[in-house]
Amino acid sequence: MSTQAPLFITMHAADNVAIVANDGGLPAGTALPGGPVLVDKVPQAHKVALVDIPEGGEVRRYNVVIGYALKPIPAGSWVHERLLQMPAARALEGLPIATARPPEMPPLEGFTFEGYRNPDGSVGTRNILAITQTVQCVAGVTAFAVKRIKEELLPRFPNVDDVVALEHTYGCGVAIDAPDAVVPIRTLRNISLNPNFGGEVMVVSLGCEKLQPERLLPPGSIPLVDERNVADVGASADSPLDVVCLQDDAHVGFMSMVESILRQAEEHLERLNARRRESVPASELVVGVQCGGSDAFSGVTANPAVGFCTDLLVRAGATVMFSEVTEVRDGIDQLTSRAATPEVAEAMIREMAWYDAYLDRGRVDRSANTTPGNKKGGLSNIVEKAMGSIVKSGSAPISGVVPPGEKARQKGLLYAATPASDFICGTLQVAAGMNLHVFTTGRGTPFGLAEVPVIKVATRSDLARRWHDLMDVNAGRIADGQATIEEVGWELFRLMLDVASGRKKTWAEQWRLHNALVLFNPAPIT
């Protein structure tokens, strides 16, 4: 039982529910200051009815209807998903289009980080050799070779941070010419060109797979690294594709394949090792923001702090991507109204409509998003979850949309249309070109990426205490009254610059917690 004074949080004056903030929740009989006496024991992060709600009555949080009462709910009752009927999804017609006019945010100048400038103009926060694979069949051989590269070669190249095999489950046994097959192919192509890889592209192929190297990385898709790669001085000069094909006749035995990979890797390591960090403006950051293992505190502490930081980054000229289609679908009217132009609004609607149809083909709807952990953390349904998720995007105008697998090609606040699955969303943000990742969690997750540093933000102080060597920022201090949203937002902003510069490592980096890349493949498997 909590010995603290009863704490509860409302998000808007019109809300008729609040969430309990006390560690361990509050027992029945607790009198909320200025509110009702609890009829039920209410767990931490779960909702309590502030007034009597009749059967069929609206349940409001964030001043949004998150559900309708399936039976009368007396004031002081625990309000959970079994008491609510979820509202229908907002139609994609008749939406407000680019109507919001956010206040002008003054530029944020003078902030820099130490990054690696690439030949194509992008900037990396890490200096990594990435080995692309065309097909899952070669994963074992590549993993064996990468282990040897790390043990035998990497110590000779101290300026290279890591060697990463871009393993995935795609490449063969798929309908490679199906219309939606373009999604995983361009995803893998753009992952290979992530700014943290320095423009060095190395491929391991089996030889007989459907996704041939030239299809994955066609001529002209690889930026020129240096004059060695220039076949001629004309505009059509292309960087040659460096491929180790395991089925080549020259390979006699397993070790022949491995030695070939090591020889090619050494050439790339030499060039990467010659690179040095240099001061670059904060505008070179490309930040992906995401939440996973969300709870009802996500939209109260961590996500608002990330949203404040998002505004700081946009003011500094950086790029910020928020994502997760099903987690923002129920706030589509908020997003289209914030679009910088009608064209951006229409692009968001187009992505939502595509995803609605995709879910319909699978005979599920957006309600399939919420997990048992989300509900245990106080989120009754996807409507409530969406309201807290959108807060990560801050208040800036949405200046562009990135379809799944494509690369972000402009600065500002962008909507990257991805599934909400943590690992698929992260994979698609890597493909979009992010060089730094921010991940908020309330239930807790050890999620990390080998390709990009991941900063973890805890929504609750209890989680930050228990997972003290996994969480990088404790946003739970906002609910505890120990810090403001603005203070935690600035803390996160400064931490980003330190992590991007290599001055600090995230806990996920220190423990080398690396989730697999998972390509989004809506096309058939044959």
Protein backbone atom coordinates (compact mmCIF):
# COMPACT_ATOMS: atom_id res chain seq x y z
CA MET A 1 0.00 0.00 0.00
CA SER A 2 1.36 3.43 -0.95
CA THR A 3 2.32 5.78 1.90
CA GLN A 4 2.30 8.75 -0.46
CA ALA A 5 -0.51 11.24 -0.59
CA PRO A 6 -3.03 10.19 -3.26
CA LEU A 7 -1.84 11.44 -6.66
CA PHE A 8 -3.92 11.51 -9.83
CA ILE A 9 -3.47 13.16 -13.21
CA THR A 10 -6.00 14.59 -15.64
CA MET A 11 -5.03 15.68 -19.14
CA HIS A 12 -7.81 18.22 -19.81
CA ALA A 13 -10.39 20.12 -17.78
CA ALA A 14 -13.19 18.37 -19.72
CA ASP A 15 -11.95 14.85 -18.85
CA ASN A 16 -14.20 12.70 -16.66
CA VAL A 17 -11.44 10.19 -15.83
CA ALA A 18 -7.96 10.56 -14.36
CA ILE A 19 -5.06 8.16 -13.93
CA VAL A 20 -3.63 7.15 -10.56
CA ALA A 21 0.03 8.15 -10.25
CA ASN A 22 1.03 6.44 -6.99
CA ASP A 23 3.44 3.50 -7.12
CA GLY A 24 1.36 0.41 -6.40
CA GLY A 25 -1.90 2.21 -7.09
CA LEU A 26 -4.48 3.23 -4.47
CA PRO A 27 -6.82 1.10 -2.35
CA ALA A 28 -10.59 1.37 -2.21
CA GLY A 29 -11.71 3.98 0.27
CA THR A 30 -8.97 6.46 -0.68
CA ALA A 31 -10.29 10.01 -0.94
CA LEU A 32 -8.85 11.83 -3.95
CA PRO A 33 -8.08 15.49 -3.20
CA GLY A 34 -10.99 17.48 -4.58
CA GLY A 35 -12.40 14.31 -6.11
CA PRO A 36 -14.40 11.19 -5.25
CA VAL A 37 -13.63 8.39 -2.81
CA LEU A 38 -12.37 5.27 -4.61
CA VAL A 39 -14.97 2.53 -4.93
CA ASP A 40 -12.38 0.03 -6.19
CA LYS A 41 -8.69 -0.55 -5.78
CA VAL A 42 -7.14 1.22 -8.79
CA PRO A 43 -3.68 0.11 -10.04
CA GLN A 44 -1.03 2.66 -10.90
CA ALA A 45 -1.55 4.26 -14.36
CA HIS A 46 -5.16 3.06 -14.51
CA LYS A 47 -8.20 5.31 -14.77
CA VAL A 48 -10.65 6.33 -12.12
CA ALA A 49 -14.05 7.86 -12.86
CA LEU A 50 -14.21 11.41 -11.50
CA VAL A 51 -18.01 11.61 -11.88
CA ASP A 52 -20.89 9.20 -12.35
CA ILE A 53 -20.92 8.02 -15.97
CA PRO A 54 -24.24 6.57 -17.22
CA GLU A 55 -24.55 3.54 -19.43
CA GLY A 56 -23.68 4.64 -22.98
CA GLY A 57 -22.05 7.81 -21.62
CA GLU A 58 -18.85 9.21 -23.03
CA VAL A 59 -15.57 8.43 -21.28
CA ARG A 60 -13.20 11.30 -22.00
CA ARG A 61 -9.42 11.53 -21.66
CA TYR A 62 -7.28 14.13 -23.48
CA ASN A 63 -10.71 15.74 -24.10
CA VAL A 64 -11.26 12.89 -26.57
CA VAL A 65 -13.93 10.19 -26.35
CA ILE A 66 -11.92 7.04 -25.69
CA GLY A 67 -15.00 4.88 -25.20
CA TYR A 68 -18.65 4.54 -24.18
CA ALA A 69 -19.67 3.01 -20.85
CA LEU A 70 -21.13 -0.50 -21.25
CA LYS A 71 -22.87 -0.09 -17.89
CA PRO A 72 -23.21 2.69 -15.31
CA ILE A 73 -19.84 3.61 -13.82
CA PRO A 74 -20.10 5.32 -10.39
CA ALA A 75 -17.62 8.04 -9.47
CA GLY A 76 -14.52 6.54 -7.85
CA SER A 77 -14.70 3.33 -9.92
CA TRP A 78 -11.79 1.71 -11.73
CA VAL A 79 -12.38 2.33 -15.46
CA HIS A 80 -10.80 -0.41 -17.58
CA GLU A 81 -11.19 -1.85 -21.07
CA ARG A 82 -13.91 -4.34 -20.09
CA LEU A 83 -16.23 -1.45 -19.22
CA LEU A 84 -15.79 0.39 -22.52
CA GLN A 85 -17.07 0.14 -26.05
CA MET A 86 -14.44 1.53 -28.40
CA PRO A 87 -15.53 4.36 -30.72
CA ALA A 88 -15.52 3.81 -34.47
CA ALA A 89 -12.49 5.01 -36.40
CA ARG A 90 -12.58 8.55 -37.74
CA ALA A 91 -13.53 8.52 -41.43
CA LEU A 92 -10.82 9.64 -43.86
CA GLU A 93 -13.21 12.04 -45.58
CA GLY A 94 -14.09 15.54 -44.47
CA LEU A 95 -10.92 16.00 -42.44
CA PRO A 96 -9.45 19.41 -41.59
CA ILE A 97 -6.70 20.04 -44.13
CA ALA A 98 -3.74 22.22 -43.14
CA THR A 99 -5.97 24.40 -40.97
CA ALA A 100 -3.82 24.66 -37.84
CA ARG A 101 -1.48 27.61 -37.55
CA PRO A 102 1.04 26.77 -34.81
CA PRO A 103 2.79 29.77 -33.28
CA GLU A 104 6.09 30.67 -34.92
CA MET A 105 8.95 28.94 -33.13
CA PRO A 106 12.18 30.99 -33.13
CA PRO A 107 15.24 29.25 -34.61
CA LEU A 108 17.46 27.43 -32.13
CA GLU A 109 21.01 28.25 -33.11
CA GLY A 110 24.50 27.46 -31.89
CA PHE A 111 24.02 23.76 -31.05
CA THR A 112 26.43 21.28 -32.67
CA PHE A 113 27.61 17.71 -32.40
CA GLU A 114 30.66 15.79 -33.61
CA GLY A 115 29.62 13.64 -36.55
CA TYR A 116 30.96 11.90 -39.64
CA ARG A 117 30.21 13.79 -42.82
CA ASN A 118 29.49 11.50 -45.76
CA PRO A 119 30.19 11.95 -49.49
CA ASP A 120 26.46 12.37 -50.20
CA GLY A 121 26.18 15.21 -47.67
CA SER A 122 24.50 13.20 -44.91
CA VAL A 123 26.08 12.89 -41.46
CA GLY A 124 26.59 9.79 -39.36
CA THR A 125 26.63 9.56 -35.59
CA ARG A 126 28.59 6.29 -35.76
CA ASN A 127 31.23 4.87 -38.12
CA ILE A 128 30.10 1.33 -38.90
CA LEU A 129 30.91 -1.23 -41.58
CA ALA A 130 27.58 -2.75 -42.60
CA ILE A 131 27.50 -5.92 -44.68
CA THR A 132 24.31 -6.19 -46.72
CA GLN A 133 22.81 -9.60 -47.47
CA THR A 134 20.55 -10.25 -50.41
CA VAL A 135 18.95 -13.33 -48.88
CA GLN A 136 18.56 -15.10 -45.54
CA CYS A 137 20.44 -18.14 -46.92
CA VAL A 138 23.81 -16.42 -46.46
CA ALA A 139 23.16 -15.28 -42.87
CA GLY A 140 25.14 -18.09 -41.21
CA VAL A 141 28.20 -17.61 -43.39
CA THR A 142 28.10 -13.83 -42.95
CA ALA A 143 27.72 -14.13 -39.18
CA PHE A 144 30.73 -16.46 -39.04
CA ALA A 145 32.76 -13.99 -41.12
CA VAL A 146 31.66 -10.98 -39.03
CA LYS A 147 32.83 -12.75 -35.86
CA ARG A 148 36.26 -13.20 -37.40
CA ILE A 149 36.32 -9.62 -38.72
CA LYS A 150 35.64 -8.33 -35.21
CA GLU A 151 38.28 -10.56 -33.66
CA GLU A 152 41.03 -10.33 -36.28
CA LEU A 153 40.56 -7.10 -38.26
CA LEU A 154 38.61 -4.57 -36.23
CA PRO A 155 41.34 -4.06 -33.55
CA ARG A 156 43.58 -2.69 -36.35
CA PHE A 157 41.02 0.00 -37.21
CA PRO A 158 40.31 1.91 -33.98
CA ASN A 159 38.22 4.62 -35.66
CA VAL A 160 35.61 2.09 -36.81
CA ASP A 161 32.90 1.57 -34.20
CA ASP A 162 31.51 -1.78 -35.26
CA VAL A 163 30.87 -4.31 -38.00
CA VAL A 164 27.22 -5.21 -38.54
CA ALA A 165 25.61 -7.90 -40.67
CA LEU A 166 22.33 -6.60 -42.09
CA GLU A 167 20.54 -9.90 -41.64
CA HIS A 168 16.89 -10.24 -42.65
CA THR A 169 14.42 -12.95 -43.67
CA TYR A 170 13.74 -11.74 -47.21
CA GLY A 171 15.27 -12.40 -50.62
CA CYS A 172 13.80 -15.64 -51.97
CA GLY A 173 10.63 -17.72 -51.76
CA VAL A 174 8.71 -14.49 -52.27
CA ALA A 175 6.60 -12.95 -55.01
CA ILE A 176 9.42 -10.64 -56.05
CA ASP A 177 7.39 -8.93 -58.80
CA ALA A 178 4.23 -8.40 -56.76
CA PRO A 179 3.23 -4.71 -56.49
CA ASP A 180 3.96 -4.50 -52.76
CA ALA A 181 7.34 -6.26 -53.07
CA VAL A 182 8.83 -2.82 -53.65
CA VAL A 183 8.45 -2.12 -49.91
CA PRO A 184 10.98 -4.67 -48.55
CA ILE A 185 13.35 -4.18 -51.50
CA ARG A 186 13.61 -0.42 -51.13
CA THR A 187 13.77 -0.84 -47.35
CA LEU A 188 16.85 -3.04 -47.55
CA ARG A 189 18.39 -0.78 -50.22
CA ASN A 190 17.97 2.32 -48.08
CA ILE A 191 19.16 0.57 -44.92
CA SER A 192 22.39 -0.20 -46.78
CA LEU A 193 22.79 3.53 -47.43
CA ASN A 194 22.14 4.69 -43.85
CA PRO A 195 24.35 7.66 -42.87
CA ASN A 196 26.02 5.65 -40.09
CA PHE A 197 27.62 3.37 -42.70
CA GLY A 198 29.77 6.04 -44.36
CA GLY A 199 28.74 5.26 -47.93
CA GLU A 200 30.64 1.95 -47.85
CA VAL A 201 28.42 -0.71 -49.42
CA MET A 202 29.42 -4.36 -49.29
CA VAL A 203 27.08 -7.20 -50.28
CA VAL A 204 27.08 -10.95 -49.63
CA SER A 205 24.93 -12.90 -52.10
CA LEU A 206 24.15 -16.58 -52.52
CA GLY A 207 23.77 -16.41 -56.30
CA CYS A 208 20.46 -18.09 -57.09
CA GLU A 209 18.14 -15.89 -55.01
CA LYS A 210 15.30 -13.86 -56.47
CA LEU A 211 16.65 -10.61 -55.03
CA GLN A 212 19.78 -10.34 -57.15
CA PRO A 213 22.37 -7.75 -56.04
CA GLU A 214 21.77 -5.61 -59.13
CA ARG A 215 18.08 -5.48 -58.35
CA LEU A 216 18.68 -4.58 -54.73
CA LEU A 217 21.27 -1.91 -55.52
CA PRO A 218 20.93 -0.96 -59.19
CA PRO A 219 23.52 1.25 -60.92
CA GLY A 220 23.32 4.81 -59.69
CA SER A 221 21.88 3.91 -56.29
CA ILE A 222 25.22 3.91 -54.45
CA PRO A 223 26.86 7.30 -53.79
CA LEU A 224 30.43 7.63 -54.99
CA VAL A 225 32.86 7.24 -52.10
CA ASP A 226 36.09 8.39 -53.68
CA GLU A 227 37.92 8.67 -56.99
CA ARG A 228 38.79 4.95 -56.93
CA ASN A 229 35.16 4.23 -57.71
CA VAL A 230 34.82 6.57 -60.66
CA ALA A 231 34.82 4.67 -63.93
CA ASP A 232 34.70 7.91 -65.94
CA VAL A 233 34.26 11.60 -65.30
CA GLY A 234 30.84 11.81 -66.92
CA ALA A 235 27.54 12.30 -65.16
CA SER A 236 26.84 8.57 -65.49
CA ALA A 237 29.81 7.51 -63.36
CA ASP A 238 28.63 4.87 -60.89
CA SER A 239 30.14 3.31 -57.83
CA PRO A 240 30.70 -0.41 -58.63
CA LEU A 241 28.82 -2.91 -56.52
CA ASP A 242 31.11 -4.88 -54.22
CA VAL A 243 29.59 -8.37 -54.07
CA VAL A 244 30.87 -11.61 -52.59
CA CYS A 245 28.80 -14.38 -54.25
CA LEU A 246 29.00 -17.66 -52.36
CA GLN A 247 28.09 -19.78 -55.40
CA ASP A 248 30.98 -18.42 -57.47
CA ASP A 249 33.11 -21.24 -58.91
CA ALA A 250 36.20 -19.66 -57.34
CA HIS A 251 35.01 -20.65 -53.88
CA VAL A 252 36.21 -24.11 -52.91
CA GLY A 253 35.03 -24.89 -49.44
CA PHE A 254 33.50 -22.86 -46.65
CA MET A 255 36.71 -21.09 -45.63
CA SER A 256 37.19 -19.82 -49.17
CA MET A 257 33.88 -17.96 -48.84
CA VAL A 258 34.80 -16.57 -45.43
CA GLU A 259 38.27 -15.42 -46.52
CA SER A 260 36.73 -13.64 -49.51
CA ILE A 261 34.40 -11.71 -47.19
CA LEU A 262 37.34 -10.81 -44.92
CA ARG A 263 39.44 -9.55 -47.85
CA GLN A 264 36.68 -7.27 -49.08
CA ALA A 265 35.83 -6.10 -45.58
CA GLU A 266 39.43 -5.02 -45.00
CA GLU A 267 39.28 -2.59 -47.92
CA HIS A 268 36.14 -0.96 -46.54
CA LEU A 269 37.56 -0.84 -43.02
CA GLU A 270 40.65 1.00 -44.24
CA ARG A 271 38.56 3.77 -45.77
CA LEU A 272 36.21 4.00 -42.79
CA ASN A 273 39.18 4.16 -40.42
CA ALA A 274 40.51 7.24 -42.22
CA ARG A 275 37.36 9.20 -41.33
CA ARG A 276 37.28 11.61 -38.40
CA ARG A 277 34.48 13.30 -36.51
CA GLU A 278 33.95 17.01 -37.20
CA SER A 279 31.70 19.68 -35.73
CA VAL A 280 28.40 19.85 -37.56
CA PRO A 281 25.21 21.77 -36.73
CA ALA A 282 22.39 20.06 -34.85
CA SER A 283 20.41 20.38 -38.09
CA GLU A 284 22.24 17.25 -39.32
CA LEU A 285 20.44 15.05 -36.81
CA VAL A 286 17.83 12.69 -38.28
CA VAL A 287 15.93 11.40 -35.26
CA GLY A 288 13.36 8.62 -35.20
CA VAL A 289 10.95 8.68 -32.24
CA GLN A 290 9.02 5.61 -31.19
CA CYS A 291 7.25 4.09 -28.20
CA GLY A 292 6.94 0.47 -27.15
CA GLY A 293 5.69 -1.31 -24.07
CA SER A 294 3.50 1.77 -23.62
CA ASP A 295 1.39 2.54 -20.57
CA ALA A 296 -0.96 5.32 -19.54
CA PHE A 297 2.03 7.37 -18.35
CA SER A 298 3.49 7.38 -21.87
CA GLY A 299 1.20 10.22 -22.90
CA VAL A 300 1.73 12.06 -19.58
CA THR A 301 5.51 12.07 -19.06
CA ALA A 302 7.86 10.54 -21.64
CA ASN A 303 6.00 11.34 -24.84
CA PRO A 304 5.28 14.98 -23.93
CA ALA A 305 8.97 15.40 -23.02
CA VAL A 306 9.95 13.87 -26.36
CA GLY A 307 7.40 16.17 -28.04
CA PHE A 308 9.02 19.21 -26.41
CA CYS A 309 12.42 17.93 -27.57
CA THR A 310 10.97 17.37 -31.06
CA ASP A 311 10.10 21.07 -31.20
CA LEU A 312 13.65 21.94 -30.10
CA LEU A 313 15.09 19.76 -32.87
CA VAL A 314 12.80 21.27 -35.51
CA ARG A 315 13.77 24.75 -34.32
CA ALA A 316 17.42 23.69 -34.74
CA GLY A 317 16.73 22.66 -38.35
CA ALA A 318 16.92 18.91 -37.74
CA THR A 319 14.72 16.11 -39.07
CA VAL A 320 12.38 14.23 -36.73
CA MET A 321 10.25 11.27 -37.78
CA PHE A 322 7.27 9.99 -35.83
CA SER A 323 5.59 6.82 -37.07
CA GLU A 324 3.31 3.87 -36.25
CA VAL A 325 0.19 4.03 -38.42
CA THR A 326 -2.22 2.27 -36.08
CA GLU A 327 -0.98 4.32 -33.13
CA VAL A 328 -1.85 7.64 -34.77
CA ARG A 329 -4.77 6.58 -36.99
CA ASP A 330 -7.34 7.65 -34.41
CA GLY A 331 -5.86 11.15 -34.32
CA ILE A 332 -5.79 11.61 -38.09
CA ASP A 333 -7.80 14.84 -37.82
CA GLN A 334 -5.13 16.28 -35.53
CA LEU A 335 -2.43 15.35 -38.03
CA THR A 336 -4.07 16.56 -41.22
CA SER A 337 -4.87 19.88 -39.55
CA ARG A 338 -1.17 20.27 -38.68
CA ALA A 339 0.01 19.49 -42.21
CA ALA A 340 2.16 22.28 -43.63
CA THR A 341 0.35 22.01 -46.98
CA PRO A 342 -2.76 20.29 -48.38
CA GLU A 343 -0.42 17.96 -50.29
CA VAL A 344 1.14 16.72 -47.04
CA ALA A 345 -2.33 16.14 -45.56
CA GLU A 346 -3.40 14.17 -48.62
CA ALA A 347 -0.24 12.06 -48.43
CA MET A 348 -1.05 11.17 -44.81
CA ILE A 349 -4.61 10.25 -45.74
CA ARG A 350 -3.30 8.11 -48.62
CA GLU A 351 -1.01 6.16 -46.27
CA MET A 352 -3.79 5.67 -43.72
CA ALA A 353 -6.19 4.43 -46.41
CA TRP A 354 -3.59 1.97 -47.70
CA TYR A 355 -3.09 0.63 -44.19
CA ASP A 356 -6.83 0.41 -43.51
CA ALA A 357 -7.12 -1.78 -46.62
CA TYR A 358 -4.08 -3.84 -45.53
CA LEU A 359 -5.67 -4.57 -42.15
CA ASP A 360 -9.00 -5.32 -43.79
CA ARG A 361 -7.35 -7.95 -45.99
CA GLY A 362 -6.13 -9.62 -42.82
CA ARG A 363 -9.65 -9.41 -41.34
CA VAL A 364 -8.49 -7.34 -38.37
CA ASP A 365 -8.86 -3.69 -37.49
CA ARG A 366 -6.89 -1.10 -35.61
CA SER A 367 -7.95 -2.58 -32.26
CA ALA A 368 -5.49 -5.44 -32.86
CA ASN A 369 -2.71 -3.01 -31.90
CA THR A 370 -3.02 -2.88 -28.12
CA THR A 371 -1.12 -5.59 -26.25
CA PRO A 372 -1.82 -7.28 -22.90
CA GLY A 373 0.99 -5.16 -21.48
CA ASN A 374 -0.58 -1.95 -22.76
CA LYS A 375 -3.83 -2.86 -21.00
CA LYS A 376 -2.04 -3.87 -17.81
CA GLY A 377 -0.40 -0.44 -17.98
CA GLY A 378 -3.75 1.31 -18.02
CA LEU A 379 -4.39 1.79 -21.75
CA SER A 380 -7.93 0.61 -22.44
CA ASN A 381 -7.85 0.68 -26.23
CA ILE A 382 -6.10 2.04 -29.30
CA VAL A 383 -7.96 5.38 -29.14
CA GLU A 384 -6.48 6.17 -25.75
CA LYS A 385 -3.09 4.83 -26.83
CA ALA A 386 -3.12 6.95 -29.99
CA MET A 387 -3.71 10.18 -28.07
CA GLY A 388 -0.62 9.54 -25.96
CA SER A 389 1.46 8.42 -28.93
CA ILE A 390 0.83 11.51 -31.06
CA VAL A 391 2.23 13.75 -28.30
CA LYS A 392 5.74 12.63 -29.33
CA SER A 393 5.37 14.73 -32.46
CA GLY A 394 5.32 18.01 -30.54
CA SER A 395 3.56 21.02 -32.01
CA ALA A 396 5.45 21.87 -35.20
CA PRO A 397 3.79 21.69 -38.63
CA ILE A 398 4.16 18.33 -40.36
CA SER A 399 6.30 19.10 -43.37
CA GLY A 400 6.41 15.76 -45.17
CA VAL A 401 5.44 12.08 -45.36
CA VAL A 402 7.81 9.13 -45.82
CA PRO A 403 6.16 6.00 -47.31
CA PRO A 404 7.40 2.66 -45.87
CA GLY A 405 10.92 1.84 -46.99
CA GLU A 406 11.62 5.20 -48.58
CA LYS A 407 14.29 7.69 -47.54
CA ALA A 408 13.50 10.98 -45.80
CA ARG A 409 14.42 13.73 -48.24
CA GLN A 410 13.59 16.90 -46.32
CA LYS A 411 14.06 18.43 -42.91
CA GLY A 412 11.53 19.30 -40.25
CA LEU A 413 8.83 17.13 -38.70
CA LEU A 414 7.98 14.15 -40.90
CA TYR A 415 5.41 11.41 -40.65
CA ALA A 416 7.05 8.08 -41.56
CA ALA A 417 4.26 5.61 -42.34
CA THR A 418 5.29 2.38 -40.61
CA PRO A 419 3.58 -0.45 -38.77
CA ALA A 420 3.58 -0.01 -34.99
CA SER A 421 5.61 -3.19 -34.37
CA ASP A 422 8.73 -2.00 -32.53
CA PHE A 423 11.25 -3.88 -34.64
CA ILE A 424 9.55 -3.20 -38.00
CA CYS A 425 9.10 0.48 -37.19
CA GLY A 426 12.73 0.73 -36.10
CA THR A 427 13.87 -1.04 -39.28
CA LEU A 428 11.89 1.33 -41.50
CA GLN A 429 13.23 4.38 -39.65
CA VAL A 430 16.77 3.09 -40.22
CA ALA A 431 15.89 2.85 -43.92
CA ALA A 432 14.52 6.39 -43.85
CA GLY A 433 17.99 7.58 -42.82
CA MET A 434 17.78 8.15 -39.09
CA ASN A 435 21.12 8.49 -37.33
CA LEU A 436 19.71 8.58 -33.77
CA HIS A 437 16.70 6.86 -32.19
CA VAL A 438 14.57 7.78 -29.16
CA PHE A 439 12.37 5.08 -27.66
CA THR A 440 9.91 5.63 -24.81
CA THR A 441 8.56 2.81 -22.66
CA GLY A 442 6.35 2.39 -19.61
CA ARG A 443 6.19 -1.37 -19.22
CA GLY A 444 9.89 -1.71 -20.11
CA THR A 445 11.71 -3.16 -23.10
CA PRO A 446 15.41 -3.82 -23.78
CA PHE A 447 14.98 -2.82 -27.44
CA GLY A 448 18.15 -1.70 -29.22
CA LEU A 449 19.63 -1.43 -32.70
CA ALA A 450 23.14 -2.28 -33.89
CA GLU A 451 22.88 0.27 -36.68
CA VAL A 452 21.82 3.38 -34.73
CA PRO A 453 22.18 4.47 -31.08
CA VAL A 454 18.88 4.08 -29.17
CA ILE A 455 18.11 6.41 -26.24
CA LYS A 456 15.54 4.83 -23.90
CA VAL A 457 13.14 7.05 -21.93
CA ALA A 458 11.20 5.60 -18.99
CA THR A 459 7.69 6.89 -18.36
CA ARG A 460 7.69 5.99 -14.65
CA SER A 461 10.25 6.43 -11.86
CA ASP A 462 9.57 2.89 -10.64
CA LEU A 463 10.66 1.50 -14.00
CA ALA A 464 13.71 3.80 -14.10
CA ARG A 465 14.76 2.58 -10.64
CA ARG A 466 14.29 -1.11 -11.39
CA TRP A 467 15.82 -0.89 -14.86
CA HIS A 468 18.50 1.61 -13.85
CA ASP A 469 21.05 0.17 -16.26
CA LEU A 470 18.68 0.00 -19.26
CA MET A 471 16.87 3.36 -19.15
CA ASP A 472 18.81 6.48 -20.21
CA VAL A 473 16.29 9.13 -19.11
CA ASN A 474 13.70 9.05 -16.33
CA ALA A 475 10.67 11.05 -17.46
CA GLY A 476 8.74 9.68 -14.49
CA ARG A 477 10.11 12.62 -12.51
CA ILE A 478 7.45 14.70 -14.28
CA ALA A 479 4.64 12.74 -12.60
CA ASP A 480 6.55 12.81 -9.30
CA GLY A 481 6.70 16.61 -9.42
CA GLN A 482 10.52 16.57 -9.48
CA ALA A 483 10.92 17.94 -13.01
CA THR A 484 8.88 19.66 -15.69
CA ILE A 485 8.20 18.49 -19.23
CA GLU A 486 10.44 21.30 -20.45
CA GLU A 487 13.33 20.31 -18.16
CA VAL A 488 13.24 16.67 -19.23
CA GLY A 489 12.90 17.76 -22.89
CA TRP A 490 16.05 19.87 -22.63
CA GLU A 491 17.84 17.04 -20.82
CA LEU A 492 16.97 14.69 -23.68
CA PHE A 493 18.06 17.25 -26.29
CA ARG A 494 21.49 17.67 -24.70
CA LEU A 495 21.87 13.91 -24.25
CA MET A 496 21.15 13.47 -27.97
CA LEU A 497 24.04 15.78 -28.85
CA ASP A 498 26.37 13.87 -26.51
CA VAL A 499 25.31 10.46 -27.85
CA ALA A 500 25.48 11.67 -31.48
CA SER A 501 29.03 12.92 -30.81
CA GLY A 502 30.17 9.63 -29.33
CA ARG A 503 30.85 11.30 -25.98
CA LYS A 504 28.27 9.06 -24.33
CA LYS A 505 26.99 5.59 -25.06
CA THR A 506 23.42 4.55 -24.43
CA TRP A 507 22.76 1.59 -22.17
CA ALA A 508 21.65 -0.44 -25.20
CA GLU A 509 25.04 0.28 -26.80
CA GLN A 510 26.97 -0.57 -23.67
CA TRP A 511 25.25 -3.93 -23.29
CA ARG A 512 25.20 -4.46 -27.09
CA LEU A 513 21.44 -5.12 -27.06
CA HIS A 514 20.62 -5.41 -30.74
CA ASN A 515 17.23 -6.41 -32.10
CA ALA A 516 16.98 -8.03 -35.51
CA LEU A 517 16.01 -6.04 -38.57
CA VAL A 518 12.51 -7.05 -39.65
CA LEU A 519 11.45 -6.03 -43.13
CA PHE A 520 7.83 -5.09 -43.74
CA ASN A 521 6.69 -7.41 -46.53
CA PRO A 522 3.02 -7.04 -47.47
CA ALA A 523 3.54 -9.06 -50.67
CA PRO A 524 2.80 -12.83 -50.85
CA ILE A 525 5.30 -15.50 -49.86
CA THR A 526 5.48 -18.28 -52.45
